Amino acid sequence: MKKDHDALLVKDVDVSAKFYHGILGLKEIPNGGLGDHIRWFELGDKIQFHLIESEEKTEKNKGFHLALSTDDLEALMEFLKDKNIPFENWPGEKDTTNTRPDGIKQIYLQDPDGYWIEVNNNRL
């Protein structure tokens, strides 16, 4: 098995698409003709990420999150501060990282719908 894609239900697909492209830098790709309520993005490893506009409510918690890695976590943190996008570490301390037992630093932020996103400095 290989991972194909993940999908999230979002209130406003255009607002969410702006966040995932403009803030996290994901590349938007054609959505296979599925209509304007679905937007597709591609991660660096060719795995797709789908946003689906829906009125359905979903519960969010930090334990259920999307995890991404970056080569420069410090630069991302400065970018997020400049854009007034709050982030925290796993325990919930604002504007700082924590270090996992394996030595990887991580932060958490939320998208416009409240979904949690981990960004870490793991070298995959």
N, C-alpha and C. Protein backbone atom coordinates (compact mmCIF):
# COMPACT_ATOMS: atom_id res chain seq x y z
N MET A 1 0.83 -1.18 0.00
CA MET A 1 0.00 0.00 0.00
C MET A 1 0.88 1.24 0.00
N LYS A 2 0.39 2.26 -0.69
CA LYS A 2 1.01 3.58 -0.67
C LYS A 2 -0.08 4.60 -0.42
N LYS A 3 0.29 5.65 0.29
CA LYS A 3 -0.69 6.71 0.58
C LYS A 3 -1.02 7.45 -0.71
N ASP A 4 -2.31 7.73 -0.92
CA ASP A 4 -2.78 8.46 -2.09
C ASP A 4 -3.13 9.90 -1.72
N HIS A 5 -4.05 10.08 -0.74
CA HIS A 5 -4.42 11.44 -0.36
C HIS A 5 -5.09 11.46 1.00
N ASP A 6 -5.18 12.66 1.55
CA ASP A 6 -5.98 12.96 2.72
C ASP A 6 -7.02 13.99 2.29
N ALA A 7 -8.14 14.07 3.00
CA ALA A 7 -9.18 15.04 2.67
C ALA A 7 -9.75 15.62 3.96
N LEU A 8 -10.08 16.91 3.89
CA LEU A 8 -10.73 17.60 5.01
C LEU A 8 -11.99 18.28 4.52
N LEU A 9 -13.02 18.26 5.38
CA LEU A 9 -14.23 19.03 5.12
C LEU A 9 -14.02 20.44 5.66
N VAL A 10 -14.29 21.44 4.82
CA VAL A 10 -14.07 22.83 5.22
C VAL A 10 -15.31 23.66 4.94
N LYS A 11 -15.46 24.74 5.70
CA LYS A 11 -16.64 25.60 5.56
C LYS A 11 -16.59 26.41 4.27
N ASP A 12 -15.43 27.00 3.95
CA ASP A 12 -15.26 27.83 2.76
C ASP A 12 -13.99 27.37 2.05
N VAL A 13 -14.15 26.66 0.94
CA VAL A 13 -13.01 26.06 0.26
C VAL A 13 -12.02 27.11 -0.24
N ASP A 14 -12.50 28.30 -0.61
CA ASP A 14 -11.60 29.34 -1.11
C ASP A 14 -10.73 29.90 0.01
N VAL A 15 -11.31 30.11 1.18
CA VAL A 15 -10.54 30.60 2.34
C VAL A 15 -9.50 29.56 2.73
N SER A 16 -9.90 28.31 2.80
CA SER A 16 -8.97 27.25 3.16
C SER A 16 -7.87 27.08 2.11
N ALA A 17 -8.23 27.15 0.84
CA ALA A 17 -7.24 27.02 -0.23
C ALA A 17 -6.21 28.14 -0.15
N LYS A 18 -6.66 29.34 0.17
CA LYS A 18 -5.73 30.46 0.32
C LYS A 18 -4.73 30.19 1.44
N PHE A 19 -5.18 29.62 2.55
CA PHE A 19 -4.32 29.28 3.67
C PHE A 19 -3.30 28.19 3.28
N TYR A 20 -3.79 27.10 2.72
CA TYR A 20 -2.90 25.98 2.41
C TYR A 20 -1.89 26.33 1.32
N HIS A 21 -2.28 27.18 0.38
CA HIS A 21 -1.33 27.60 -0.65
C HIS A 21 -0.46 28.77 -0.17
N GLY A 22 -1.09 29.81 0.33
CA GLY A 22 -0.37 31.04 0.67
C GLY A 22 0.46 30.96 1.94
N ILE A 23 0.00 30.21 2.93
CA ILE A 23 0.72 30.13 4.20
C ILE A 23 1.61 28.88 4.24
N LEU A 24 1.08 27.73 3.84
CA LEU A 24 1.87 26.50 3.92
C LEU A 24 2.60 26.16 2.62
N GLY A 25 2.29 26.88 1.54
CA GLY A 25 3.03 26.70 0.29
C GLY A 25 2.70 25.46 -0.50
N LEU A 26 1.52 24.85 -0.26
CA LEU A 26 1.16 23.67 -1.03
C LEU A 26 0.79 24.07 -2.45
N LYS A 27 1.18 23.23 -3.40
CA LYS A 27 0.90 23.48 -4.82
C LYS A 27 -0.49 22.98 -5.18
N GLU A 28 -1.33 23.88 -5.73
CA GLU A 28 -2.66 23.45 -6.15
C GLU A 28 -2.55 22.73 -7.49
N ILE A 29 -3.34 21.65 -7.62
CA ILE A 29 -3.36 20.84 -8.84
C ILE A 29 -4.81 20.68 -9.30
N PRO A 30 -5.03 20.29 -10.56
CA PRO A 30 -6.40 20.08 -11.04
C PRO A 30 -7.13 19.04 -10.20
N ASN A 31 -8.43 19.27 -10.00
CA ASN A 31 -9.22 18.41 -9.11
C ASN A 31 -9.98 17.31 -9.84
N GLY A 32 -9.59 16.99 -11.04
CA GLY A 32 -10.21 15.88 -11.75
C GLY A 32 -11.62 16.17 -12.23
N GLY A 33 -11.99 17.45 -12.34
CA GLY A 33 -13.31 17.82 -12.82
C GLY A 33 -14.42 17.66 -11.80
N LEU A 34 -14.09 17.70 -10.51
CA LEU A 34 -15.07 17.45 -9.46
C LEU A 34 -15.88 18.68 -9.04
N GLY A 35 -15.66 19.82 -9.64
CA GLY A 35 -16.45 21.00 -9.32
C GLY A 35 -15.71 21.98 -8.43
N ASP A 36 -16.30 23.17 -8.27
CA ASP A 36 -15.65 24.26 -7.53
C ASP A 36 -15.63 24.06 -6.02
N HIS A 37 -16.37 23.11 -5.51
CA HIS A 37 -16.43 22.90 -4.05
C HIS A 37 -15.31 21.98 -3.55
N ILE A 38 -14.46 21.53 -4.46
CA ILE A 38 -13.34 20.66 -4.10
C ILE A 38 -12.06 21.23 -4.70
N ARG A 39 -11.04 21.38 -3.87
CA ARG A 39 -9.73 21.85 -4.33
C ARG A 39 -8.69 20.82 -3.94
N TRP A 40 -7.78 20.52 -4.86
CA TRP A 40 -6.72 19.54 -4.63
C TRP A 40 -5.37 20.23 -4.55
N PHE A 41 -4.51 19.70 -3.69
CA PHE A 41 -3.14 20.19 -3.55
C PHE A 41 -2.22 18.99 -3.57
N GLU A 42 -0.95 19.27 -3.86
CA GLU A 42 0.05 18.20 -3.90
C GLU A 42 1.16 18.53 -2.92
N LEU A 43 1.51 17.54 -2.11
CA LEU A 43 2.65 17.68 -1.21
C LEU A 43 3.92 17.33 -1.99
N GLY A 44 5.07 17.67 -1.44
CA GLY A 44 6.33 17.46 -2.12
C GLY A 44 6.60 16.03 -2.55
N ASP A 45 5.97 15.07 -1.91
CA ASP A 45 6.18 13.67 -2.25
C ASP A 45 5.09 13.11 -3.14
N LYS A 46 4.35 13.98 -3.82
CA LYS A 46 3.28 13.63 -4.76
C LYS A 46 2.01 13.10 -4.12
N ILE A 47 1.93 13.12 -2.78
CA ILE A 47 0.70 12.75 -2.10
C ILE A 47 -0.26 13.92 -2.22
N GLN A 48 -1.51 13.63 -2.50
CA GLN A 48 -2.50 14.69 -2.65
C GLN A 48 -3.19 15.01 -1.34
N PHE A 49 -3.68 16.24 -1.28
CA PHE A 49 -4.41 16.75 -0.12
C PHE A 49 -5.65 17.44 -0.68
N HIS A 50 -6.84 17.00 -0.27
CA HIS A 50 -8.09 17.50 -0.83
C HIS A 50 -8.87 18.31 0.21
N LEU A 51 -9.41 19.43 -0.24
CA LEU A 51 -10.31 20.25 0.57
C LEU A 51 -11.70 20.14 -0.05
N ILE A 52 -12.68 19.81 0.76
CA ILE A 52 -14.05 19.62 0.28
C ILE A 52 -14.97 20.55 1.06
N GLU A 53 -15.61 21.47 0.36
CA GLU A 53 -16.52 22.40 1.03
C GLU A 53 -17.77 21.66 1.49
N SER A 54 -18.13 21.87 2.76
CA SER A 54 -19.25 21.16 3.34
C SER A 54 -19.77 21.93 4.55
N GLU A 55 -21.06 21.78 4.82
CA GLU A 55 -21.66 22.36 6.02
C GLU A 55 -21.57 21.39 7.21
N GLU A 56 -21.11 20.18 6.96
CA GLU A 56 -20.98 19.19 8.02
C GLU A 56 -19.96 19.65 9.06
N LYS A 57 -20.31 19.53 10.31
CA LYS A 57 -19.42 19.92 11.40
C LYS A 57 -18.53 18.74 11.78
N THR A 58 -17.25 19.00 11.98
CA THR A 58 -16.33 17.96 12.42
C THR A 58 -15.63 18.41 13.70
N GLU A 59 -15.38 17.47 14.58
CA GLU A 59 -14.71 17.77 15.83
C GLU A 59 -13.20 17.84 15.58
N LYS A 60 -12.56 18.82 16.19
CA LYS A 60 -11.12 18.99 16.01
C LYS A 60 -10.42 18.86 17.35
N ASN A 61 -9.29 18.17 17.35
CA ASN A 61 -8.42 18.15 18.52
C ASN A 61 -6.99 17.95 18.04
N LYS A 62 -6.05 18.33 18.88
CA LYS A 62 -4.64 18.33 18.48
C LYS A 62 -4.12 16.93 18.19
N GLY A 63 -4.70 15.92 18.81
CA GLY A 63 -4.26 14.55 18.58
C GLY A 63 -4.55 14.05 17.17
N PHE A 64 -5.51 14.66 16.49
CA PHE A 64 -5.84 14.34 15.10
C PHE A 64 -5.34 15.50 14.27
N HIS A 65 -4.21 15.33 13.59
CA HIS A 65 -3.60 16.46 12.88
C HIS A 65 -2.90 16.01 11.61
N LEU A 66 -2.70 16.98 10.73
CA LEU A 66 -1.87 16.83 9.54
C LEU A 66 -0.45 17.18 9.96
N ALA A 67 0.53 16.38 9.57
CA ALA A 67 1.92 16.66 9.94
C ALA A 67 2.75 16.89 8.68
N LEU A 68 3.44 18.01 8.67
CA LEU A 68 4.33 18.38 7.56
C LEU A 68 5.72 18.63 8.13
N SER A 69 6.73 18.53 7.29
CA SER A 69 8.08 18.86 7.73
C SER A 69 8.65 19.97 6.86
N THR A 70 9.58 20.72 7.42
CA THR A 70 10.25 21.80 6.72
C THR A 70 11.74 21.78 7.04
N ASP A 71 12.54 22.25 6.11
CA ASP A 71 13.97 22.33 6.32
C ASP A 71 14.36 23.49 7.23
N ASP A 72 13.44 24.49 7.38
CA ASP A 72 13.78 25.67 8.17
C ASP A 72 12.60 26.06 9.06
N LEU A 73 12.47 25.37 10.18
CA LEU A 73 11.37 25.62 11.10
C LEU A 73 11.43 27.03 11.69
N GLU A 74 12.63 27.52 11.98
CA GLU A 74 12.77 28.87 12.54
C GLU A 74 12.24 29.93 11.57
N ALA A 75 12.56 29.79 10.29
CA ALA A 75 12.07 30.74 9.28
C ALA A 75 10.55 30.68 9.17
N LEU A 76 9.99 29.48 9.23
CA LEU A 76 8.53 29.35 9.20
C LEU A 76 7.91 30.04 10.40
N MET A 77 8.50 29.87 11.57
CA MET A 77 7.96 30.51 12.77
C MET A 77 7.97 32.04 12.63
N GLU A 78 9.03 32.59 12.09
CA GLU A 78 9.10 34.04 11.86
C GLU A 78 8.04 34.48 10.84
N PHE A 79 7.86 33.69 9.77
CA PHE A 79 6.84 33.97 8.76
C PHE A 79 5.45 33.98 9.39
N LEU A 80 5.16 32.97 10.22
CA LEU A 80 3.86 32.90 10.88
C LEU A 80 3.64 34.11 11.79
N LYS A 81 4.68 34.50 12.52
CA LYS A 81 4.57 35.69 13.38
C LYS A 81 4.28 36.93 12.54
N ASP A 82 4.98 37.09 11.42
CA ASP A 82 4.76 38.24 10.53
C ASP A 82 3.34 38.28 9.97
N LYS A 83 2.76 37.11 9.76
CA LYS A 83 1.39 36.99 9.22
C LYS A 83 0.34 36.96 10.33
N ASN A 84 0.77 37.11 11.60
CA ASN A 84 -0.14 37.06 12.75
C ASN A 84 -0.93 35.76 12.82
N ILE A 85 -0.25 34.67 12.53
CA ILE A 85 -0.86 33.35 12.62
C ILE A 85 -0.30 32.68 13.87
N PRO A 86 -1.15 32.45 14.86
CA PRO A 86 -0.67 31.86 16.11
C PRO A 86 -0.22 30.42 15.94
N PHE A 87 0.78 30.05 16.72
CA PHE A 87 1.25 28.67 16.78
C PHE A 87 1.72 28.39 18.20
N GLU A 88 1.83 27.12 18.50
CA GLU A 88 2.21 26.70 19.84
C GLU A 88 2.94 25.37 19.77
N ASN A 89 3.49 24.95 20.90
CA ASN A 89 4.08 23.63 20.97
C ASN A 89 3.01 22.63 21.43
N TRP A 90 3.39 21.35 21.55
CA TRP A 90 2.41 20.33 21.94
C TRP A 90 1.72 20.65 23.27
N PRO A 91 2.47 21.10 24.32
CA PRO A 91 1.80 21.41 25.58
C PRO A 91 0.91 22.67 25.53
N GLY A 92 1.02 23.47 24.46
CA GLY A 92 0.17 24.65 24.33
C GLY A 92 0.85 25.96 24.63
N GLU A 93 2.17 25.97 24.79
CA GLU A 93 2.91 27.21 25.02
C GLU A 93 3.03 27.96 23.70
N LYS A 94 2.66 29.23 23.71
CA LYS A 94 2.60 30.04 22.49
C LYS A 94 4.00 30.38 21.96
N ASP A 95 4.09 30.47 20.63
CA ASP A 95 5.27 30.98 19.92
C ASP A 95 6.56 30.23 20.21
N THR A 96 6.49 28.94 20.47
CA THR A 96 7.70 28.17 20.75
C THR A 96 7.54 26.73 20.28
N THR A 97 8.66 26.04 20.22
CA THR A 97 8.67 24.64 19.82
C THR A 97 8.73 23.75 21.05
N ASN A 98 8.56 22.47 20.83
CA ASN A 98 8.98 21.46 21.79
C ASN A 98 9.80 20.45 21.02
N THR A 99 10.54 19.63 21.73
CA THR A 99 11.37 18.61 21.09
C THR A 99 10.85 17.24 21.48
N ARG A 100 10.54 16.46 20.46
CA ARG A 100 10.06 15.10 20.69
C ARG A 100 11.20 14.24 21.23
N PRO A 101 10.90 13.08 21.79
CA PRO A 101 11.95 12.18 22.30
C PRO A 101 12.98 11.78 21.23
N ASP A 102 12.58 11.81 19.94
CA ASP A 102 13.52 11.45 18.87
C ASP A 102 14.36 12.63 18.40
N GLY A 103 14.26 13.80 19.09
CA GLY A 103 15.08 14.96 18.76
C GLY A 103 14.49 15.91 17.73
N ILE A 104 13.30 15.62 17.24
CA ILE A 104 12.65 16.46 16.24
C ILE A 104 11.89 17.60 16.92
N LYS A 105 12.12 18.85 16.45
CA LYS A 105 11.36 19.99 16.96
C LYS A 105 10.07 20.12 16.19
N GLN A 106 9.01 20.61 16.90
CA GLN A 106 7.70 20.72 16.26
C GLN A 106 6.93 21.90 16.83
N ILE A 107 6.02 22.40 15.97
CA ILE A 107 5.04 23.40 16.37
C ILE A 107 3.68 22.93 15.86
N TYR A 108 2.63 23.56 16.39
CA TYR A 108 1.26 23.28 15.96
C TYR A 108 0.55 24.60 15.67
N LEU A 109 -0.22 24.61 14.60
CA LEU A 109 -1.07 25.75 14.27
C LEU A 109 -2.39 25.22 13.76
N GLN A 110 -3.36 26.11 13.63
CA GLN A 110 -4.68 25.70 13.15
C GLN A 110 -5.00 26.40 11.85
N ASP A 111 -5.70 25.68 10.98
CA ASP A 111 -6.15 26.27 9.72
C ASP A 111 -7.43 27.06 9.97
N PRO A 112 -8.00 27.70 8.93
CA PRO A 112 -9.21 28.52 9.15
C PRO A 112 -10.40 27.77 9.73
N ASP A 113 -10.45 26.44 9.59
CA ASP A 113 -11.55 25.65 10.14
C ASP A 113 -11.24 25.04 11.50
N GLY A 114 -10.04 25.32 12.02
CA GLY A 114 -9.67 24.80 13.33
C GLY A 114 -8.96 23.47 13.33
N TYR A 115 -8.66 22.91 12.14
CA TYR A 115 -7.90 21.68 12.08
C TYR A 115 -6.47 21.96 12.54
N TRP A 116 -5.89 21.04 13.29
CA TRP A 116 -4.52 21.19 13.78
C TRP A 116 -3.53 20.69 12.75
N ILE A 117 -2.43 21.43 12.63
CA ILE A 117 -1.35 21.09 11.72
C ILE A 117 -0.05 21.11 12.51
N GLU A 118 0.66 20.01 12.49
CA GLU A 118 2.01 19.94 13.06
C GLU A 118 3.00 20.27 11.95
N VAL A 119 3.97 21.10 12.25
CA VAL A 119 5.10 21.31 11.34
C VAL A 119 6.35 21.01 12.16
N ASN A 120 7.20 20.16 11.60
CA ASN A 120 8.40 19.76 12.31
C ASN A 120 9.62 19.89 11.41
N ASN A 121 10.79 19.65 11.99
CA ASN A 121 12.04 19.76 11.21
C ASN A 121 12.64 18.38 10.90
N ASN A 122 11.80 17.38 10.82
CA ASN A 122 12.26 16.03 10.48
C ASN A 122 12.83 16.03 9.06
N ARG A 123 13.92 15.36 8.87
CA ARG A 123 14.52 15.21 7.53
C ARG A 123 14.11 13.85 6.98
N LEU A 124 13.05 13.86 6.21
CA LEU A 124 12.50 12.60 5.67
C LEU A 124 13.32 12.10 4.50
